Amino acid sequence: MKSLYRHFVKAATLFLLVLMAFSLSLPSRLFFVKGSNEASLIEEAESKLHVAFEAVLEAESVGANVSGLIARLNEAGELLAEAEIADKIGSFSEAVSKAEQCSVLADGVMDEAITLKGEVLAGAQIAFWQDLTVTAMGSAVFLVAMFFVWGWFKRAYAKKLLRMKLEVASDVEA
């Protein structure tokens, strides 16, 4: 009976130790899940910042003035850096807040960059059609003017030929 009692005490002690170890590790597991949530928010903010940067780069490549957008991108980058630092030191609520601010700012920059790109491309298309119209009109005016100059020159040359007198050479052998 003592042996059965000892096995029971050992099993109960082992069960309590396992239960205590699990309960002590439970907050760290919750902490890990919470930390991974911040990490995913920070990764999402970083992704949005990258997309916004690409949009600003495309807007700049078509000739848009993106100096204001670059300043806002720098601000979003600072917020992302602050979020990463807050995550590393364990200030998770601040990390989430900074990551969300970065995401909102990056989304706004991306939308504005797309709008600027569209405006510049629309302006370029209008300028192209205006240039094409001016060129076509200028070419038509030039051709009409050349037609009148050619007619004037033809009449002047014909008059000049008609005013010329024929000379007969007497010493030419035929």
N, C-alpha and C. Protein backbone atom coordinates (compact mmCIF):
# COMPACT_ATOMS: atom_id res chain seq x y z
N MET A 1 0.79 -1.17 0.00
CA MET A 1 0.00 0.00 0.00
C MET A 1 0.85 1.26 0.00
N LYS A 2 1.96 1.19 0.78
CA LYS A 2 2.85 2.34 0.80
C LYS A 2 3.42 2.59 -0.58
N SER A 3 3.69 1.56 -1.29
CA SER A 3 4.26 1.72 -2.63
C SER A 3 3.23 2.38 -3.57
N LEU A 4 1.98 1.98 -3.43
CA LEU A 4 0.93 2.58 -4.23
C LEU A 4 0.75 4.04 -3.85
N TYR A 5 0.84 4.31 -2.57
CA TYR A 5 0.74 5.68 -2.08
C TYR A 5 1.89 6.53 -2.60
N ARG A 6 3.09 6.00 -2.60
CA ARG A 6 4.26 6.73 -3.11
C ARG A 6 4.10 7.01 -4.61
N HIS A 7 3.64 6.06 -5.35
CA HIS A 7 3.43 6.27 -6.79
C HIS A 7 2.37 7.34 -7.03
N PHE A 8 1.34 7.30 -6.18
CA PHE A 8 0.29 8.31 -6.32
C PHE A 8 0.84 9.70 -6.00
N VAL A 9 1.64 9.84 -4.95
CA VAL A 9 2.22 11.12 -4.57
C VAL A 9 3.17 11.60 -5.66
N LYS A 10 3.98 10.70 -6.19
CA LYS A 10 4.91 11.07 -7.27
C LYS A 10 4.13 11.52 -8.51
N ALA A 11 3.08 10.78 -8.85
CA ALA A 11 2.28 11.13 -10.04
C ALA A 11 1.57 12.47 -9.82
N ALA A 12 1.04 12.68 -8.61
CA ALA A 12 0.36 13.94 -8.33
C ALA A 12 1.35 15.10 -8.34
N THR A 13 2.54 14.90 -7.78
CA THR A 13 3.58 15.93 -7.78
C THR A 13 4.01 16.23 -9.20
N LEU A 14 4.21 15.20 -9.98
CA LEU A 14 4.60 15.40 -11.38
C LEU A 14 3.50 16.14 -12.14
N PHE A 15 2.24 15.77 -11.89
CA PHE A 15 1.12 16.44 -12.54
C PHE A 15 1.07 17.91 -12.14
N LEU A 16 1.28 18.21 -10.85
CA LEU A 16 1.27 19.60 -10.39
C LEU A 16 2.45 20.39 -10.98
N LEU A 17 3.60 19.76 -11.09
CA LEU A 17 4.75 20.43 -11.70
C LEU A 17 4.49 20.75 -13.17
N VAL A 18 3.91 19.80 -13.86
CA VAL A 18 3.58 20.03 -15.28
C VAL A 18 2.53 21.12 -15.39
N LEU A 19 1.54 21.11 -14.52
CA LEU A 19 0.50 22.13 -14.53
C LEU A 19 1.09 23.51 -14.23
N MET A 20 2.00 23.59 -13.25
CA MET A 20 2.64 24.86 -12.92
C MET A 20 3.52 25.34 -14.08
N ALA A 21 4.23 24.44 -14.69
CA ALA A 21 5.08 24.82 -15.82
C ALA A 21 4.22 25.34 -16.97
N PHE A 22 3.10 24.68 -17.20
CA PHE A 22 2.20 25.13 -18.26
C PHE A 22 1.61 26.50 -17.93
N SER A 23 1.21 26.68 -16.65
CA SER A 23 0.62 27.97 -16.27
C SER A 23 1.66 29.08 -16.31
N LEU A 24 2.91 28.76 -15.99
CA LEU A 24 3.96 29.78 -16.07
C LEU A 24 4.31 30.11 -17.52
N SER A 25 4.19 29.13 -18.38
CA SER A 25 4.52 29.38 -19.78
C SER A 25 3.35 29.97 -20.55
N LEU A 26 2.15 29.93 -19.98
CA LEU A 26 0.97 30.44 -20.66
C LEU A 26 1.07 31.93 -21.00
N PRO A 27 1.48 32.81 -20.07
CA PRO A 27 1.60 34.21 -20.45
C PRO A 27 2.63 34.44 -21.55
N SER A 28 3.70 33.66 -21.54
CA SER A 28 4.68 33.85 -22.60
C SER A 28 4.11 33.41 -23.95
N ARG A 29 3.23 32.39 -23.92
CA ARG A 29 2.60 32.00 -25.18
C ARG A 29 1.65 33.09 -25.66
N LEU A 30 0.90 33.68 -24.73
CA LEU A 30 0.03 34.79 -25.10
C LEU A 30 0.87 35.97 -25.58
N PHE A 31 1.98 36.18 -24.92
CA PHE A 31 2.90 37.25 -25.32
C PHE A 31 3.41 36.99 -26.73
N PHE A 32 3.72 35.72 -27.02
CA PHE A 32 4.23 35.39 -28.35
C PHE A 32 3.17 35.64 -29.40
N VAL A 33 1.94 35.27 -29.13
CA VAL A 33 0.85 35.50 -30.08
C VAL A 33 0.64 37.00 -30.26
N LYS A 34 0.67 37.72 -29.15
CA LYS A 34 0.49 39.16 -29.23
C LYS A 34 1.64 39.79 -30.01
N GLY A 35 2.86 39.33 -29.76
CA GLY A 35 4.03 39.85 -30.46
C GLY A 35 3.96 39.57 -31.95
N SER A 36 3.43 38.40 -32.32
CA SER A 36 3.34 38.09 -33.74
C SER A 36 2.30 38.97 -34.42
N ASN A 37 1.27 39.39 -33.67
CA ASN A 37 0.27 40.29 -34.22
C ASN A 37 0.91 41.65 -34.55
N GLU A 38 1.71 42.16 -33.64
CA GLU A 38 2.40 43.43 -33.90
C GLU A 38 3.35 43.27 -35.08
N ALA A 39 4.03 42.12 -35.11
CA ALA A 39 4.96 41.88 -36.21
C ALA A 39 4.23 41.89 -37.55
N SER A 40 3.04 41.29 -37.58
CA SER A 40 2.30 41.27 -38.84
C SER A 40 1.81 42.67 -39.21
N LEU A 41 1.42 43.47 -38.21
CA LEU A 41 1.02 44.85 -38.49
C LEU A 41 2.21 45.67 -38.99
N ILE A 42 3.36 45.44 -38.40
CA ILE A 42 4.56 46.15 -38.85
C ILE A 42 4.95 45.72 -40.25
N GLU A 43 4.85 44.41 -40.53
CA GLU A 43 5.15 43.93 -41.89
C GLU A 43 4.16 44.51 -42.90
N GLU A 44 2.89 44.60 -42.51
CA GLU A 44 1.88 45.19 -43.40
C GLU A 44 2.19 46.67 -43.66
N ALA A 45 2.57 47.39 -42.61
CA ALA A 45 2.93 48.80 -42.77
C ALA A 45 4.16 48.94 -43.67
N GLU A 46 5.11 48.05 -43.50
CA GLU A 46 6.31 48.09 -44.34
C GLU A 46 5.96 47.81 -45.80
N SER A 47 5.07 46.86 -46.02
CA SER A 47 4.62 46.54 -47.37
C SER A 47 3.90 47.73 -48.01
N LYS A 48 3.02 48.37 -47.24
CA LYS A 48 2.30 49.54 -47.76
C LYS A 48 3.26 50.68 -48.05
N LEU A 49 4.27 50.84 -47.21
CA LEU A 49 5.26 51.89 -47.45
C LEU A 49 6.04 51.61 -48.73
N HIS A 50 6.35 50.35 -48.96
CA HIS A 50 7.06 49.97 -50.19
C HIS A 50 6.20 50.24 -51.42
N VAL A 51 4.92 49.90 -51.36
CA VAL A 51 4.00 50.14 -52.48
C VAL A 51 3.86 51.65 -52.73
N ALA A 52 3.77 52.42 -51.65
CA ALA A 52 3.67 53.88 -51.78
C ALA A 52 4.94 54.44 -52.42
N PHE A 53 6.09 53.92 -52.03
CA PHE A 53 7.34 54.37 -52.63
C PHE A 53 7.38 54.08 -54.12
N GLU A 54 6.93 52.89 -54.51
CA GLU A 54 6.88 52.54 -55.93
C GLU A 54 5.93 53.47 -56.69
N ALA A 55 4.80 53.81 -56.09
CA ALA A 55 3.84 54.71 -56.73
C ALA A 55 4.44 56.10 -56.91
N VAL A 56 5.17 56.58 -55.89
CA VAL A 56 5.82 57.89 -55.99
C VAL A 56 6.90 57.85 -57.07
N LEU A 57 7.63 56.75 -57.14
CA LEU A 57 8.67 56.61 -58.16
C LEU A 57 8.07 56.63 -59.56
N GLU A 58 6.94 55.97 -59.75
CA GLU A 58 6.27 55.98 -61.05
C GLU A 58 5.75 57.37 -61.39
N ALA A 59 5.20 58.07 -60.39
CA ALA A 59 4.72 59.44 -60.63
C ALA A 59 5.88 60.35 -61.00
N GLU A 60 7.01 60.17 -60.36
CA GLU A 60 8.17 61.00 -60.69
C GLU A 60 8.69 60.68 -62.10
N SER A 61 8.61 59.42 -62.49
CA SER A 61 9.12 59.03 -63.81
C SER A 61 8.31 59.65 -64.95
N VAL A 62 7.04 60.01 -64.71
CA VAL A 62 6.25 60.66 -65.75
C VAL A 62 6.33 62.18 -65.66
N GLY A 63 7.06 62.69 -64.66
CA GLY A 63 7.30 64.12 -64.59
C GLY A 63 6.51 64.87 -63.53
N ALA A 64 5.87 64.16 -62.61
CA ALA A 64 5.09 64.83 -61.56
C ALA A 64 6.03 65.41 -60.50
N ASN A 65 5.60 66.48 -59.85
CA ASN A 65 6.34 67.08 -58.75
C ASN A 65 6.00 66.31 -57.49
N VAL A 66 6.93 65.51 -57.00
CA VAL A 66 6.67 64.62 -55.88
C VAL A 66 7.42 65.03 -54.61
N SER A 67 7.86 66.26 -54.53
CA SER A 67 8.65 66.67 -53.36
C SER A 67 7.82 66.58 -52.07
N GLY A 68 6.56 66.96 -52.12
CA GLY A 68 5.70 66.85 -50.94
C GLY A 68 5.44 65.40 -50.56
N LEU A 69 5.31 64.55 -51.57
CA LEU A 69 5.08 63.13 -51.29
C LEU A 69 6.31 62.48 -50.67
N ILE A 70 7.48 62.90 -51.11
CA ILE A 70 8.71 62.34 -50.55
C ILE A 70 8.84 62.72 -49.08
N ALA A 71 8.46 63.95 -48.73
CA ALA A 71 8.50 64.36 -47.33
C ALA A 71 7.54 63.50 -46.50
N ARG A 72 6.36 63.23 -47.04
CA ARG A 72 5.40 62.39 -46.31
C ARG A 72 5.87 60.94 -46.25
N LEU A 73 6.58 60.46 -47.29
CA LEU A 73 7.15 59.11 -47.24
C LEU A 73 8.21 59.02 -46.14
N ASN A 74 9.02 60.06 -46.01
CA ASN A 74 10.01 60.08 -44.94
C ASN A 74 9.34 60.03 -43.58
N GLU A 75 8.24 60.75 -43.43
CA GLU A 75 7.50 60.74 -42.17
C GLU A 75 6.95 59.34 -41.89
N ALA A 76 6.43 58.68 -42.92
CA ALA A 76 5.92 57.32 -42.75
C ALA A 76 7.06 56.36 -42.40
N GLY A 77 8.22 56.56 -43.01
CA GLY A 77 9.37 55.73 -42.69
C GLY A 77 9.81 55.90 -41.24
N GLU A 78 9.76 57.14 -40.75
CA GLU A 78 10.09 57.38 -39.35
C GLU A 78 9.10 56.68 -38.43
N LEU A 79 7.80 56.74 -38.77
CA LEU A 79 6.79 56.05 -37.97
C LEU A 79 7.03 54.54 -37.96
N LEU A 80 7.41 53.99 -39.10
CA LEU A 80 7.69 52.56 -39.18
C LEU A 80 8.90 52.20 -38.31
N ALA A 81 9.93 53.03 -38.36
CA ALA A 81 11.11 52.78 -37.53
C ALA A 81 10.75 52.85 -36.04
N GLU A 82 9.93 53.83 -35.67
CA GLU A 82 9.50 53.94 -34.28
C GLU A 82 8.66 52.73 -33.87
N ALA A 83 7.83 52.22 -34.78
CA ALA A 83 7.03 51.03 -34.48
C ALA A 83 7.93 49.82 -34.26
N GLU A 84 8.95 49.68 -35.09
CA GLU A 84 9.87 48.54 -34.93
C GLU A 84 10.64 48.64 -33.62
N ILE A 85 11.05 49.85 -33.27
CA ILE A 85 11.77 50.04 -32.00
C ILE A 85 10.85 49.74 -30.83
N ALA A 86 9.62 50.23 -30.88
CA ALA A 86 8.65 49.98 -29.80
C ALA A 86 8.37 48.49 -29.68
N ASP A 87 8.31 47.79 -30.80
CA ASP A 87 8.08 46.34 -30.76
C ASP A 87 9.25 45.63 -30.11
N LYS A 88 10.46 46.07 -30.41
CA LYS A 88 11.65 45.42 -29.85
C LYS A 88 11.79 45.66 -28.34
N ILE A 89 11.36 46.82 -27.86
CA ILE A 89 11.49 47.09 -26.43
C ILE A 89 10.27 46.62 -25.65
N GLY A 90 9.25 46.13 -26.34
CA GLY A 90 8.10 45.54 -25.66
C GLY A 90 6.92 46.48 -25.46
N SER A 91 6.93 47.62 -26.08
CA SER A 91 5.79 48.55 -25.97
C SER A 91 4.85 48.27 -27.15
N PHE A 92 4.03 47.23 -26.97
CA PHE A 92 3.24 46.72 -28.08
C PHE A 92 2.13 47.66 -28.51
N SER A 93 1.50 48.35 -27.57
CA SER A 93 0.42 49.27 -27.95
C SER A 93 0.99 50.43 -28.78
N GLU A 94 2.17 50.90 -28.41
CA GLU A 94 2.81 51.97 -29.19
C GLU A 94 3.23 51.45 -30.56
N ALA A 95 3.70 50.21 -30.62
CA ALA A 95 4.10 49.62 -31.90
C ALA A 95 2.90 49.52 -32.84
N VAL A 96 1.76 49.08 -32.29
CA VAL A 96 0.55 48.96 -33.10
C VAL A 96 0.10 50.34 -33.58
N SER A 97 0.12 51.31 -32.68
CA SER A 97 -0.30 52.66 -33.03
C SER A 97 0.57 53.26 -34.13
N LYS A 98 1.89 53.13 -33.97
CA LYS A 98 2.81 53.69 -34.97
C LYS A 98 2.68 52.95 -36.31
N ALA A 99 2.50 51.63 -36.26
CA ALA A 99 2.34 50.86 -37.51
C ALA A 99 1.06 51.27 -38.23
N GLU A 100 -0.02 51.48 -37.47
CA GLU A 100 -1.27 51.90 -38.10
C GLU A 100 -1.15 53.30 -38.68
N GLN A 101 -0.48 54.21 -37.97
CA GLN A 101 -0.27 55.56 -38.50
C GLN A 101 0.55 55.50 -39.78
N CYS A 102 1.58 54.65 -39.79
CA CYS A 102 2.41 54.50 -40.99
C CYS A 102 1.58 53.97 -42.15
N SER A 103 0.72 52.98 -41.88
CA SER A 103 -0.12 52.41 -42.94
C SER A 103 -1.06 53.46 -43.52
N VAL A 104 -1.69 54.23 -42.65
CA VAL A 104 -2.63 55.26 -43.12
C VAL A 104 -1.89 56.30 -43.95
N LEU A 105 -0.73 56.73 -43.47
CA LEU A 105 0.05 57.74 -44.20
C LEU A 105 0.54 57.19 -45.54
N ALA A 106 0.99 55.93 -45.55
CA ALA A 106 1.46 55.32 -46.79
C ALA A 106 0.32 55.17 -47.80
N ASP A 107 -0.87 54.79 -47.32
CA ASP A 107 -2.03 54.69 -48.22
C ASP A 107 -2.37 56.04 -48.83
N GLY A 108 -2.32 57.09 -48.01
CA GLY A 108 -2.60 58.44 -48.51
C GLY A 108 -1.58 58.88 -49.55
N VAL A 109 -0.31 58.59 -49.30
CA VAL A 109 0.75 58.95 -50.25
C VAL A 109 0.56 58.19 -51.55
N MET A 110 0.23 56.91 -51.45
CA MET A 110 0.03 56.10 -52.66
C MET A 110 -1.14 56.64 -53.48
N ASP A 111 -2.25 56.96 -52.82
CA ASP A 111 -3.40 57.50 -53.55
C ASP A 111 -3.06 58.82 -54.22
N GLU A 112 -2.36 59.68 -53.51
CA GLU A 112 -2.00 60.98 -54.09
C GLU A 112 -1.01 60.82 -55.24
N ALA A 113 -0.09 59.87 -55.12
CA ALA A 113 0.88 59.63 -56.20
C ALA A 113 0.17 59.12 -57.45
N ILE A 114 -0.80 58.24 -57.27
CA ILE A 114 -1.56 57.73 -58.42
C ILE A 114 -2.34 58.86 -59.07
N THR A 115 -2.93 59.73 -58.25
CA THR A 115 -3.68 60.88 -58.78
C THR A 115 -2.76 61.81 -59.55
N LEU A 116 -1.59 62.12 -58.97
CA LEU A 116 -0.63 62.99 -59.66
C LEU A 116 -0.18 62.39 -60.98
N LYS A 117 0.09 61.10 -60.97
CA LYS A 117 0.51 60.43 -62.20
C LYS A 117 -0.56 60.54 -63.27
N GLY A 118 -1.83 60.32 -62.88
CA GLY A 118 -2.94 60.44 -63.83
C GLY A 118 -3.07 61.85 -64.38
N GLU A 119 -2.91 62.85 -63.50
CA GLU A 119 -3.01 64.24 -63.95
C GLU A 119 -1.90 64.58 -64.94
N VAL A 120 -0.69 64.12 -64.63
CA VAL A 120 0.44 64.42 -65.52
C VAL A 120 0.25 63.72 -66.86
N LEU A 121 -0.19 62.47 -66.84
CA LEU A 121 -0.40 61.75 -68.09
C LEU A 121 -1.53 62.37 -68.91
N ALA A 122 -2.60 62.82 -68.23
CA ALA A 122 -3.70 63.49 -68.94
C ALA A 122 -3.21 64.80 -69.55
N GLY A 123 -2.41 65.55 -68.81
CA GLY A 123 -1.84 66.80 -69.34
C GLY A 123 -0.93 66.54 -70.52
N ALA A 124 -0.15 65.48 -70.44
CA ALA A 124 0.75 65.14 -71.55
C ALA A 124 -0.05 64.73 -72.79
N GLN A 125 -1.15 64.03 -72.58
CA GLN A 125 -1.97 63.63 -73.71
C GLN A 125 -2.62 64.86 -74.36
N ILE A 126 -3.09 65.78 -73.55
CA ILE A 126 -3.67 67.01 -74.09
C ILE A 126 -2.61 67.79 -74.86
N ALA A 127 -1.41 67.90 -74.29
CA ALA A 127 -0.32 68.61 -74.96
C ALA A 127 0.03 67.93 -76.28
N PHE A 128 0.02 66.59 -76.31
CA PHE A 128 0.31 65.87 -77.54
C PHE A 128 -0.70 66.20 -78.62
N TRP A 129 -1.99 66.17 -78.28
CA TRP A 129 -3.02 66.46 -79.28
C TRP A 129 -2.98 67.92 -79.72
N GLN A 130 -2.64 68.83 -78.81
CA GLN A 130 -2.49 70.23 -79.20
C GLN A 130 -1.32 70.39 -80.15
N ASP A 131 -0.20 69.75 -79.85
CA ASP A 131 0.96 69.82 -80.74
C ASP A 131 0.65 69.22 -82.11
N LEU A 132 -0.06 68.10 -82.10
CA LEU A 132 -0.42 67.46 -83.37
C LEU A 132 -1.34 68.37 -84.19
N THR A 133 -2.30 69.01 -83.54
CA THR A 133 -3.21 69.93 -84.24
C THR A 133 -2.46 71.12 -84.81
N VAL A 134 -1.58 71.72 -84.01
CA VAL A 134 -0.80 72.88 -84.48
C VAL A 134 0.10 72.47 -85.63
N THR A 135 0.69 71.30 -85.56
CA THR A 135 1.57 70.82 -86.63
C THR A 135 0.78 70.58 -87.91
N ALA A 136 -0.38 69.96 -87.79
CA ALA A 136 -1.21 69.70 -88.97
C ALA A 136 -1.67 71.01 -89.59
N MET A 137 -2.12 71.94 -88.77
CA MET A 137 -2.57 73.24 -89.29
C MET A 137 -1.41 74.00 -89.92
N GLY A 138 -0.27 73.98 -89.27
CA GLY A 138 0.91 74.66 -89.82
C GLY A 138 1.34 74.05 -91.14
N SER A 139 1.29 72.73 -91.23
CA SER A 139 1.65 72.07 -92.49
C SER A 139 0.66 72.44 -93.60
N ALA A 140 -0.61 72.48 -93.28
CA ALA A 140 -1.62 72.84 -94.28
C ALA A 140 -1.41 74.28 -94.75
N VAL A 141 -1.18 75.20 -93.82
CA VAL A 141 -0.93 76.61 -94.19
C VAL A 141 0.33 76.70 -95.04
N PHE A 142 1.37 75.97 -94.68
CA PHE A 142 2.61 75.99 -95.45
C PHE A 142 2.38 75.48 -96.87
N LEU A 143 1.64 74.39 -97.02
CA LEU A 143 1.39 73.85 -98.36
C LEU A 143 0.56 74.81 -99.21
N VAL A 144 -0.46 75.43 -98.64
CA VAL A 144 -1.26 76.41 -99.38
C VAL A 144 -0.40 77.60 -99.79
N ALA A 145 0.42 78.08 -98.86
CA ALA A 145 1.31 79.21 -99.16
C ALA A 145 2.29 78.83 -100.27
N MET A 146 2.85 77.62 -100.20
CA MET A 146 3.79 77.19 -101.24
C MET A 146 3.09 77.07 -102.60
N PHE A 147 1.83 76.62 -102.60
CA PHE A 147 1.08 76.53 -103.85
C PHE A 147 0.92 77.93 -104.47
N PHE A 148 0.57 78.93 -103.66
CA PHE A 148 0.42 80.29 -104.18
C PHE A 148 1.76 80.87 -104.63
N VAL A 149 2.83 80.61 -103.88
CA VAL A 149 4.16 81.10 -104.28
C VAL A 149 4.58 80.45 -105.58
N TRP A 150 4.33 79.15 -105.73
CA TRP A 150 4.69 78.47 -106.96
C TRP A 150 3.91 79.04 -108.15
N GLY A 151 2.59 79.31 -107.96
CA GLY A 151 1.79 79.92 -109.03
C GLY A 151 2.31 81.31 -109.39
N TRP A 152 2.65 82.11 -108.39
CA TRP A 152 3.19 83.45 -108.65
C TRP A 152 4.52 83.35 -109.39
N PHE A 153 5.39 82.46 -108.94
CA PHE A 153 6.69 82.30 -109.59
C PHE A 153 6.51 81.81 -111.03
N LYS A 154 5.59 80.90 -111.28
CA LYS A 154 5.34 80.37 -112.62
C LYS A 154 4.87 81.49 -113.55
N ARG A 155 3.92 82.34 -113.07
CA ARG A 155 3.44 83.45 -113.90
C ARG A 155 4.56 84.45 -114.16
N ALA A 156 5.35 84.78 -113.16
CA ALA A 156 6.44 85.74 -113.32
C ALA A 156 7.47 85.21 -114.31
N TYR A 157 7.80 83.92 -114.23
CA TYR A 157 8.78 83.34 -115.13
C TYR A 157 8.25 83.32 -116.57
N ALA A 158 6.96 83.02 -116.72
CA ALA A 158 6.36 83.01 -118.06
C ALA A 158 6.38 84.40 -118.67
N LYS A 159 6.08 85.43 -117.88
CA LYS A 159 6.12 86.80 -118.39
C LYS A 159 7.53 87.17 -118.80
N LYS A 160 8.48 86.78 -118.00
CA LYS A 160 9.87 87.09 -118.30
C LYS A 160 10.29 86.42 -119.61
N LEU A 161 9.86 85.20 -119.83
CA LEU A 161 10.19 84.49 -121.07
C LEU A 161 9.53 85.16 -122.28
N LEU A 162 8.31 85.63 -122.10
CA LEU A 162 7.61 86.26 -123.20
C LEU A 162 8.22 87.61 -123.56
N ARG A 163 8.83 88.30 -122.62
CA ARG A 163 9.45 89.59 -122.90
C ARG A 163 10.81 89.43 -123.58
N MET A 164 11.35 88.30 -123.55
CA MET A 164 12.67 88.12 -124.16
C MET A 164 12.52 88.13 -125.69
N LYS A 165 13.51 88.71 -126.38
CA LYS A 165 13.49 88.75 -127.84
C LYS A 165 14.39 87.64 -128.37
N LEU A 166 13.95 87.10 -129.45
CA LEU A 166 14.75 86.07 -130.07
C LEU A 166 15.87 86.72 -130.90
N GLU A 167 17.01 86.20 -130.81
CA GLU A 167 18.13 86.71 -131.63
C GLU A 167 18.51 85.62 -132.60
N VAL A 168 18.76 86.07 -133.81
CA VAL A 168 19.15 85.11 -134.84
C VAL A 168 20.63 85.32 -135.05
N ALA A 169 21.34 84.23 -135.05
CA ALA A 169 22.77 84.31 -135.27
C ALA A 169 23.02 84.14 -136.76
N SER A 170 23.79 85.06 -137.35
CA SER A 170 24.01 85.03 -138.81
C SER A 170 25.24 84.20 -139.17
N ASP A 171 26.13 84.06 -138.29
CA ASP A 171 27.35 83.34 -138.63
C ASP A 171 27.30 81.86 -138.24
N VAL A 172 26.19 81.38 -137.94
CA VAL A 172 26.05 79.99 -137.53
C VAL A 172 25.80 79.18 -138.80
N GLU A 173 26.54 78.16 -138.99
CA GLU A 173 26.35 77.28 -140.13
C GLU A 173 25.33 76.22 -139.80
N ALA A 174 24.52 76.02 -140.73
CA ALA A 174 23.46 75.07 -140.50
C ALA A 174 23.73 73.75 -141.11
